[in-house]
């Protein structure tokens, strides 16, 4: 009985570790994407005014 409980605890611990690692990888990807945008000088669209001055 103790072996079954030990295996169950081991599987739960492994699952929690995998879930934490997946969350960490997702967070790192988000940070990398944000840092990638920092290299661009300006992400605002360019607007041209074509109306005549009156």
Protein backbone atom coordinates (compact mmCIF):
# COMPACT_ATOMS: atom_id res chain seq x y z
CA UNK A 1 0.00 0.00 0.00
CA UNK A 2 2.85 2.37 0.82
CA UNK A 3 4.39 1.79 -2.60
CA UNK A 4 1.14 2.75 -4.34
CA UNK A 5 0.88 5.96 -2.31
CA UNK A 6 4.53 6.74 -3.01
CA UNK A 7 4.02 6.22 -6.76
CA UNK A 8 0.90 8.38 -6.70
CA UNK A 9 2.76 11.20 -4.93
CA UNK A 10 5.66 10.84 -7.37
CA UNK A 11 3.32 11.14 -10.39
CA UNK A 12 1.59 14.19 -8.89
CA UNK A 13 4.94 15.84 -8.18
CA UNK A 14 6.14 15.15 -11.70
CA UNK A 15 2.91 16.57 -13.16
CA UNK A 16 3.23 19.73 -11.09
CA UNK A 17 6.85 20.11 -12.19
CA UNK A 18 5.91 19.77 -15.86
CA UNK A 19 3.07 22.29 -15.48
CA UNK A 20 5.39 24.81 -13.78
CA UNK A 21 8.00 24.36 -16.50
CA UNK A 22 5.38 24.90 -19.22
CA UNK A 23 4.21 28.11 -17.53
CA UNK A 24 7.82 29.32 -17.24
CA UNK A 25 8.47 28.67 -20.94
CA UNK A 26 5.29 30.54 -21.87
CA UNK A 27 6.39 33.49 -19.72
CA UNK A 28 9.86 33.50 -21.32
CA UNK A 29 8.35 33.54 -24.81
CA UNK A 30 6.19 36.52 -23.85
CA UNK A 31 9.21 38.38 -22.47
CA UNK A 32 11.25 37.60 -25.59
CA UNK A 33 8.49 38.96 -27.82
CA UNK A 34 8.24 42.17 -25.79
CA UNK A 35 12.02 42.61 -25.89
CA UNK A 36 11.93 42.10 -29.66
CA UNK A 37 9.55 45.06 -30.02
CA UNK A 38 11.94 47.29 -28.06
CA UNK A 39 14.38 47.22 -30.98
CA UNK A 40 11.91 48.91 -33.33
CA UNK A 41 12.18 52.71 -33.28
CA UNK A 42 8.47 53.45 -33.67
CA UNK A 43 5.49 51.20 -34.24
CA UNK A 44 2.99 53.99 -34.85
CA UNK A 45 1.55 54.24 -38.38
CA UNK A 46 2.68 57.06 -40.63
CA UNK A 47 -0.13 59.47 -41.49
CA UNK A 48 0.02 61.68 -44.57
CA UNK A 49 -2.21 64.73 -44.81
CA UNK A 50 -3.37 65.18 -48.38
CA UNK A 51 -6.02 67.91 -47.92
CA UNK A 52 -5.45 71.41 -49.28
CA UNK A 53 -4.78 74.23 -46.85
CA UNK A 54 -7.52 76.82 -46.99
